[in-house]
Protein backbone atom coordinates (compact mmCIF):
# COMPACT_ATOMS: atom_id res chain seq x y z
CA MET A 1 3.85 -107.73 17.81
CA ALA A 2 4.75 -109.80 14.75
CA LYS A 3 6.23 -106.72 13.11
CA GLY A 4 8.24 -105.95 16.26
CA ARG A 5 9.60 -109.47 16.44
CA GLY A 6 10.53 -109.24 12.75
CA LYS A 7 12.43 -106.01 13.33
CA LYS A 8 14.23 -107.54 16.30
CA LYS A 9 15.30 -110.56 14.28
CA LYS A 10 16.43 -108.31 11.48
CA GLY A 11 18.43 -106.19 13.95
CA VAL A 12 20.18 -109.26 15.43
CA PHE A 13 20.90 -110.55 11.92
CA SER A 14 22.38 -107.19 10.91
CA PHE A 15 24.50 -107.14 14.07
CA PHE A 16 26.08 -110.51 13.26
CA GLN A 17 26.49 -109.57 9.62
CA GLY A 18 28.33 -106.42 10.73
CA LYS A 19 30.66 -108.43 12.97
CA LYS A 20 31.36 -110.88 10.15
CA ALA A 21 32.12 -108.02 7.78
CA LYS A 22 34.50 -106.45 10.33
CA ARG A 23 36.32 -109.77 10.78
CA GLN A 24 36.60 -110.09 7.01
CA GLN A 25 37.95 -106.54 6.75
CA GLY A 26 40.44 -107.30 9.52
CA ARG A 27 41.66 -110.44 7.72
CA THR A 28 41.96 -108.51 4.45
CA ALA A 29 43.91 -105.70 6.16
CA SER A 30 46.25 -108.24 7.82
CA PHE A 31 46.76 -110.00 4.50
CA MET A 32 47.60 -106.72 2.75
CA GLU A 33 50.01 -105.75 5.55
CA GLY A 34 51.68 -109.14 5.17
CA ILE A 35 52.05 -108.67 1.41
CA GLN A 36 53.53 -105.19 1.90
CA LEU A 37 55.96 -106.44 4.55
CA PHE A 38 57.03 -109.39 2.41
CA SER A 39 57.54 -107.07 -0.59
CA ALA A 40 59.67 -104.71 1.50
CA PHE A 41 61.78 -107.63 2.80
CA PHE A 42 62.16 -109.07 -0.70
CA LEU A 43 63.32 -105.74 -2.11
CA LEU A 44 65.77 -105.34 0.78
CA PHE A 45 67.09 -108.84 0.09
CA LEU A 46 67.55 -108.10 -3.63
CA PHE A 47 69.32 -104.84 -2.77
CA GLY A 48 71.74 -106.79 -0.55
CA ILE A 49 72.46 -109.25 -3.38
CA PHE A 50 73.03 -106.30 -5.74
CA LEU A 51 75.52 -104.69 -3.33
CA PHE A 52 77.31 -108.00 -2.89
CA ARG A 53 77.56 -108.66 -6.64
CA LYS A 54 78.77 -105.11 -7.24
CA ALA A 55 81.43 -105.45 -4.55
CA HIS A 56 82.60 -108.79 -5.99
CA GLN A 57 82.47 -108.06 -9.71
CA THR A 58 85.54 -109.14 -11.67
CA GLN A 59 88.61 -106.94 -11.36
CA TRP A 60 91.30 -107.12 -14.03
CA TYR A 61 94.77 -107.95 -12.70
CA PHE A 62 96.85 -107.42 -15.83
CA PRO A 63 99.54 -104.83 -16.70
CA ALA A 64 98.33 -101.25 -17.28
CA SER A 65 99.81 -101.45 -20.80
CA VAL A 66 97.38 -104.29 -21.52
CA LEU A 67 94.36 -102.76 -19.79
CA LYS A 68 94.61 -99.58 -21.87
CA HIS A 69 93.06 -101.77 -24.61
CA GLN A 70 90.22 -102.89 -22.30
CA ALA A 71 87.44 -100.93 -24.04
CA ALA A 72 88.33 -102.30 -27.48
CA MET A 73 88.74 -105.85 -26.13
CA GLU A 74 85.38 -105.77 -24.34
CA ARG A 75 83.60 -104.36 -27.40
CA VAL A 76 84.99 -106.97 -29.80
CA ALA A 77 84.53 -109.80 -27.26
CA LYS A 78 80.86 -108.85 -26.92
CA GLU A 79 80.40 -108.81 -30.71
CA LYS A 80 81.91 -112.30 -30.97
CA GLY A 81 80.26 -113.79 -27.87
CA LEU A 82 83.56 -114.14 -26.01
CA GLU A 83 82.76 -112.12 -22.87
CA GLU A 84 83.45 -115.16 -20.67
CA ASP A 85 86.88 -115.61 -22.28
CA LEU A 86 88.09 -112.06 -21.66
CA ASP A 87 90.48 -113.10 -18.90
CA VAL A 88 92.08 -115.67 -21.23
CA LEU A 89 92.32 -113.09 -24.02
CA PHE A 90 93.92 -110.50 -21.73
CA ALA A 91 96.40 -113.17 -20.60
CA ILE A 92 97.22 -113.99 -24.24
CA MET A 93 97.80 -110.29 -24.99
CA THR A 94 100.03 -110.03 -21.93
CA VAL A 95 102.20 -112.93 -23.12
CA GLU A 96 102.20 -111.86 -26.79
CA SER A 97 103.04 -108.17 -26.46
CA HIS A 98 102.28 -106.80 -22.98
CA GLY A 99 100.01 -104.47 -24.95
CA LYS A 100 103.03 -102.51 -26.15
CA LEU A 101 103.33 -103.57 -29.82
CA LYS A 102 101.17 -102.27 -32.64
CA ASP A 103 99.99 -105.82 -33.36
CA VAL A 104 98.94 -106.33 -29.73
CA MET A 105 97.50 -109.82 -30.23
CA GLN A 106 100.29 -110.85 -32.66
CA SER A 107 97.52 -112.08 -34.96
CA SER A 108 98.88 -110.97 -38.36
CA GLU A 109 100.25 -114.44 -39.16
CA SER A 110 96.90 -116.08 -38.40
CA LYS A 111 95.55 -114.05 -41.33
CA GLY A 112 98.40 -115.09 -43.62
CA LEU A 113 100.23 -111.76 -43.28
CA PRO A 114 103.83 -110.98 -42.24
CA VAL A 115 104.48 -110.43 -38.51
CA ASN A 116 103.30 -107.08 -37.08
CA THR A 117 101.36 -106.09 -40.21
CA LEU A 118 98.05 -105.35 -38.51
CA ASP A 119 97.41 -102.16 -36.52
CA THR A 120 96.03 -102.36 -32.97
CA ASP A 121 92.30 -102.37 -33.76
CA ALA A 122 92.71 -104.85 -36.61
CA SER A 123 94.97 -107.01 -34.41
CA ILE A 124 92.31 -107.24 -31.68
CA GLU A 125 89.61 -107.99 -34.26
CA GLN A 126 91.67 -110.74 -35.93
CA GLY A 127 93.05 -112.13 -32.66
CA LEU A 128 89.61 -112.64 -31.17
CA LYS A 129 88.24 -114.06 -34.42
CA TYR A 130 91.15 -116.51 -34.54
CA TYR A 131 90.65 -117.51 -30.90
CA LYS A 132 86.91 -118.04 -31.47
CA ASP A 133 87.61 -120.25 -34.52
CA LEU A 134 90.05 -122.34 -32.48
CA LYS A 135 87.60 -122.61 -29.61
CA GLU A 136 84.83 -123.85 -31.92
CA LYS A 137 87.17 -126.42 -33.53
CA ALA A 138 88.26 -127.60 -30.08
CA ARG A 139 84.62 -127.97 -28.99
CA THR A 140 83.92 -130.09 -32.06
CA LEU A 141 86.93 -132.29 -31.25
CA GLY A 142 86.09 -132.45 -27.54
CA LEU A 143 89.23 -130.63 -26.40
CA GLU A 144 89.73 -128.33 -23.40
CA GLU A 145 90.79 -124.70 -22.91
CA LYS A 146 94.49 -125.40 -22.57
CA ALA A 147 94.62 -127.00 -26.03
CA VAL A 148 92.98 -123.86 -27.48
CA ILE A 149 95.54 -121.60 -25.81
CA GLN A 150 98.47 -123.65 -27.12
CA ALA A 151 96.88 -123.71 -30.59
CA TYR A 152 96.79 -119.90 -30.57
CA ASN A 153 100.57 -120.14 -30.75
CA TYR A 154 100.96 -123.29 -32.91
CA GLY A 155 97.98 -122.97 -35.23
CA PRO A 156 94.85 -125.13 -35.68
CA GLY A 157 96.91 -128.16 -36.75
CA PHE A 158 97.83 -128.72 -33.12
CA LEU A 159 94.17 -129.37 -32.20
CA TYR A 160 93.98 -132.21 -34.69
CA TYR A 161 97.33 -133.51 -33.42
CA VAL A 162 95.97 -133.65 -29.86
CA GLU A 163 92.74 -135.29 -31.04
CA LYS A 164 94.73 -138.03 -32.82
CA ASN A 165 96.99 -138.60 -29.81
CA GLY A 166 94.60 -139.37 -27.01
CA GLY A 167 92.22 -136.43 -27.29
CA LYS A 168 93.59 -134.65 -24.22
CA TYR A 169 96.16 -131.84 -24.00
CA THR A 170 99.40 -132.62 -22.21
CA ASP A 171 102.63 -130.61 -21.95
CA ALA A 172 104.43 -133.62 -23.44
CA LEU A 173 102.24 -133.43 -26.58
CA ALA A 174 102.98 -129.72 -26.93
CA GLU A 175 106.72 -130.45 -26.75
CA GLU A 176 106.50 -133.41 -29.12
CA PHE A 177 104.56 -131.35 -31.71
CA ALA A 178 107.18 -128.56 -31.66
CA LYS A 179 110.04 -131.08 -31.85
CA ASN A 180 108.52 -132.73 -34.92
CA MET A 181 107.80 -129.41 -36.65
CA ALA A 182 111.30 -128.06 -35.88
CA LYS A 183 112.98 -131.36 -36.79
CA GLY A 184 114.68 -131.34 -33.40
CA LYS A 185 116.28 -127.89 -33.71
CA THR A 186 116.35 -125.85 -30.48
CA ILE A 187 116.88 -122.27 -29.36
CA LYS A 188 117.70 -120.73 -25.98
CA TYR A 189 114.68 -119.70 -23.94
CA SER A 190 115.18 -117.96 -20.59
CA HIS A 191 111.67 -118.17 -19.12
CA PRO A 192 111.73 -119.60 -15.54
CA ILE A 193 109.47 -122.50 -16.56
CA ALA A 194 111.95 -123.55 -19.28
CA LYS A 195 114.98 -123.10 -17.04
CA LYS A 196 113.43 -125.23 -14.34
CA GLU A 197 112.34 -127.96 -16.75
CA ASN A 198 115.20 -128.32 -19.23
CA GLY A 199 117.85 -125.74 -18.39
CA GLY A 200 116.47 -123.05 -20.71
CA TYR A 201 115.64 -124.01 -24.29
CA ARG A 202 112.65 -124.61 -26.57
CA TYR A 203 112.25 -126.14 -30.01
CA LEU A 204 112.52 -123.80 -32.97
CA TYR A 205 108.80 -123.83 -33.71
CA GLY A 206 106.39 -121.65 -31.78
CA ASN A 207 106.68 -121.93 -28.01
CA MET A 208 106.09 -125.33 -26.46
CA PHE A 209 105.65 -123.62 -23.06
CA TYR A 210 103.06 -121.16 -24.39
CA ALA A 211 99.96 -122.63 -22.71
CA ARG A 212 101.77 -122.83 -19.38
CA VAL A 213 103.05 -119.25 -19.60
CA VAL A 214 99.54 -117.96 -20.43
CA GLU A 215 98.05 -120.16 -17.70
CA GLU A 216 100.51 -118.75 -15.16
CA THR A 217 99.39 -115.20 -16.04
CA LEU A 218 95.76 -116.28 -15.96
CA GLN A 219 96.11 -118.08 -12.64
CA PHE A 220 97.41 -114.94 -10.95
CA HIS A 221 94.35 -113.01 -12.18
CA ARG A 222 91.87 -115.74 -11.19
CA GLU A 223 93.37 -116.18 -7.73
CA LYS A 224 93.03 -112.44 -7.11
CA ASN A 225 89.33 -112.64 -8.05
CA LYS A 226 88.64 -115.78 -6.07
CA MET A 227 85.81 -115.27 -3.57
CA GLU A 228 87.08 -116.58 -0.26
CA ILE A 229 85.73 -116.27 3.25
CA THR A 230 88.11 -114.19 5.38
CA THR A 231 89.00 -114.88 9.02
CA VAL A 232 86.81 -111.99 10.22
CA GLN A 233 83.87 -113.30 8.17
CA LYS A 234 84.38 -116.81 9.56
CA ILE A 235 84.36 -115.55 13.14
CA LEU A 236 81.20 -113.47 12.64
CA MET A 237 79.30 -116.18 10.76
CA THR A 238 80.35 -118.92 13.18
CA ALA A 239 79.04 -116.75 16.03
CA THR A 240 75.81 -116.16 14.06
CA ALA A 241 75.34 -119.89 13.50
CA GLY A 242 76.05 -120.52 17.19
CA LEU A 243 73.38 -117.98 18.15
CA PHE A 244 70.75 -119.71 16.01
CA LEU A 245 71.73 -123.14 17.33
CA TYR A 246 71.36 -121.75 20.87
CA ILE A 247 67.89 -120.46 19.96
CA MET A 248 67.05 -123.98 18.73
CA LEU A 249 68.28 -125.40 22.06
CA LEU A 250 65.95 -123.07 23.98
CA GLU A 251 62.93 -123.45 21.70
CA THR A 252 63.10 -127.16 20.85
CA PHE A 253 64.91 -128.93 23.69
CA MET A 254 64.32 -126.59 26.65
CA THR A 255 60.90 -125.34 25.61
CA ASP A 256 59.31 -124.95 29.04
CA SER A 257 62.46 -124.23 31.04
CA ASP A 258 63.08 -121.17 33.21
CA SER A 259 65.84 -120.07 30.81
CA THR A 260 63.47 -120.07 27.82
CA ALA A 261 60.81 -118.27 29.86
CA ARG A 262 63.31 -115.58 30.84
CA VAL A 263 64.67 -115.10 27.29
CA PHE A 264 61.23 -114.91 25.68
CA LYS A 265 59.60 -113.00 28.58
CA MET A 266 56.88 -115.60 29.08
CA SER A 267 55.80 -117.71 32.01
CA VAL A 268 56.63 -121.43 32.21
CA ARG A 269 52.88 -122.07 32.35
CA GLU A 270 52.37 -120.28 29.04
CA LEU A 271 55.22 -122.27 27.47
CA ARG A 272 53.60 -125.54 28.60
CA ASN A 273 50.46 -124.72 26.65
CA LYS A 274 50.23 -127.46 24.01
CA ASN A 275 49.86 -125.12 21.03
CA VAL A 276 52.59 -122.74 22.20
CA ASN A 277 54.90 -125.65 23.02
CA THR A 278 54.47 -127.19 19.55
CA LEU A 279 54.95 -123.82 17.87
CA PHE A 280 58.20 -123.19 19.77
CA LYS A 281 59.61 -126.64 18.96
CA ASN A 282 58.89 -126.22 15.23
CA GLN A 283 60.35 -122.73 15.21
CA GLY A 284 63.46 -124.01 16.97
CA ILE A 285 64.08 -126.63 14.30
CA TYR A 286 63.84 -123.90 11.63
CA ASN A 287 66.39 -121.71 13.46
CA GLY A 288 68.71 -124.66 14.03
CA LEU A 289 68.66 -125.66 10.37
CA LEU A 290 69.56 -122.09 9.41
CA GLY A 291 72.55 -122.27 11.77
CA LEU A 292 73.70 -125.65 10.40
CA ALA A 293 73.31 -124.47 6.79
CA LEU A 294 75.42 -121.40 7.56
CA LEU A 295 78.18 -123.53 9.09
CA TYR A 296 78.11 -125.70 5.96
CA GLY A 297 78.41 -122.62 3.73
CA VAL A 298 81.38 -121.34 5.75
CA TYR A 299 83.38 -124.54 6.28
CA SER A 300 82.54 -126.78 3.30
CA PRO A 301 85.36 -127.24 0.73
CA GLY A 302 85.39 -124.24 -1.63
CA ALA A 303 83.20 -122.29 0.82
CA ASN A 304 80.01 -121.00 -0.80
CA VAL A 305 80.09 -117.23 -0.29
CA GLU A 306 76.75 -116.53 -1.98
CA LEU A 307 75.01 -119.22 0.11
CA THR A 308 76.27 -117.56 3.30
CA LEU A 309 75.02 -114.20 2.02
CA VAL A 310 71.51 -115.60 1.42
CA LEU A 311 71.38 -117.30 4.83
CA CYS A 312 72.61 -114.22 6.73
CA SER A 313 70.03 -112.12 4.84
CA ILE A 314 67.23 -114.48 5.88
CA MET A 315 68.42 -114.48 9.49
CA PHE A 316 68.54 -110.69 9.60
CA LEU A 317 65.13 -110.24 7.95
CA VAL A 318 63.57 -112.71 10.42
CA ALA A 319 64.93 -110.52 13.23
CA VAL A 320 63.55 -107.39 11.55
CA TYR A 321 60.11 -108.99 11.38
CA GLY A 322 60.35 -110.04 15.04
CA ALA A 323 61.26 -106.46 16.02
CA ILE A 324 58.27 -105.08 14.07
CA SER A 325 55.74 -107.63 15.28
CA SER A 326 56.94 -108.37 18.81
CA ASP A 327 59.90 -106.78 20.62
CA LYS A 328 62.24 -104.15 19.21
CA MET A 329 65.18 -105.67 21.13
CA ILE A 330 65.00 -108.74 18.85
CA LEU A 331 66.63 -106.62 16.13
CA LEU A 332 69.73 -106.23 18.30
CA LYS A 333 69.76 -109.59 20.06
CA GLN A 334 68.90 -111.84 17.11
CA GLY A 335 69.70 -109.56 14.17
CA GLY A 336 72.97 -107.97 15.32
CA LEU A 337 75.34 -110.80 14.37
CA PRO A 338 73.67 -111.60 11.00
CA PHE A 339 73.82 -107.88 10.15
CA LEU A 340 77.54 -107.68 10.96
CA SER A 341 78.10 -110.85 8.92
CA LEU A 342 76.29 -109.28 5.96
CA LEU A 343 78.40 -106.12 6.25
CA SER A 344 81.59 -108.19 6.34
CA LEU A 345 80.57 -109.98 3.12
CA ILE A 346 79.51 -106.86 1.25
CA LEU A 347 82.44 -104.70 2.41
CA LYS A 348 85.00 -107.55 2.15
CA TRP A 349 86.25 -107.33 5.76
């Protein structure tokens, strides 16, 4: 009898141990499924960012005669750590020669040589070296980009002149420097900026309008590359934000209403369950904050395009998860607008 009772106890013990092991296995399997799902979502998110960055990478808006030197400019700029200044350097080349002269950067004089001495490759090498030297001097003196651009035309002495006269570039300083160096002598200059400002002349030393002419060329390029939210994107993302604010209204403020019960295919009684009710309210706040953040990204000054991309990605991935774990229609109802918003950002609608 004692042996029988021992076997019975052992059998009961084994039964509970087996159930515990199964529960543990179930938790482990759920955890692994969660990790796999998160990894898939994360990779999808990264792929979306990659597509967006690729679609919005810098395009060069300079004359074809300038861009034929793009490979050489990019190579030398990389060697000298000037990749971020390439747009400025292309603008300088545009103003100096439109890429059509042998000495494309007009940099022979900066090396103490007669004008147009250097060939194209040597001109690019010397021009970028000269620009880098000026940039480093300007950094030491606490001067900005515009002073560096004007100094490319005047020489490094202009940087020290600016530093001694207030430490900030102004067009008046550029004019004053040229006037002093030219001893007041002038020459006709037909550029629209000069005609508008003084009837069409400059002092006979360098070009006192140089920084402004380069900046005008540069501004055209930068405006073309500016990431702005289009009207179509605004409409789609505003609708997306409205959808998520509506979900917050249902989940947080109308938690146990007939409308919420109908949308989520649950009974009012189920929604009044304390745990379910709390869960819905918290989830509603999360959805509402996503909607508000998206509106901020769309309508804040200098609208943040990348922020809107991240938020729309999160909204879409949440809908994908809901479709996998609950109801496939969630992908269309909750994920449709975020998906269209993402497409509009990536494809530049």
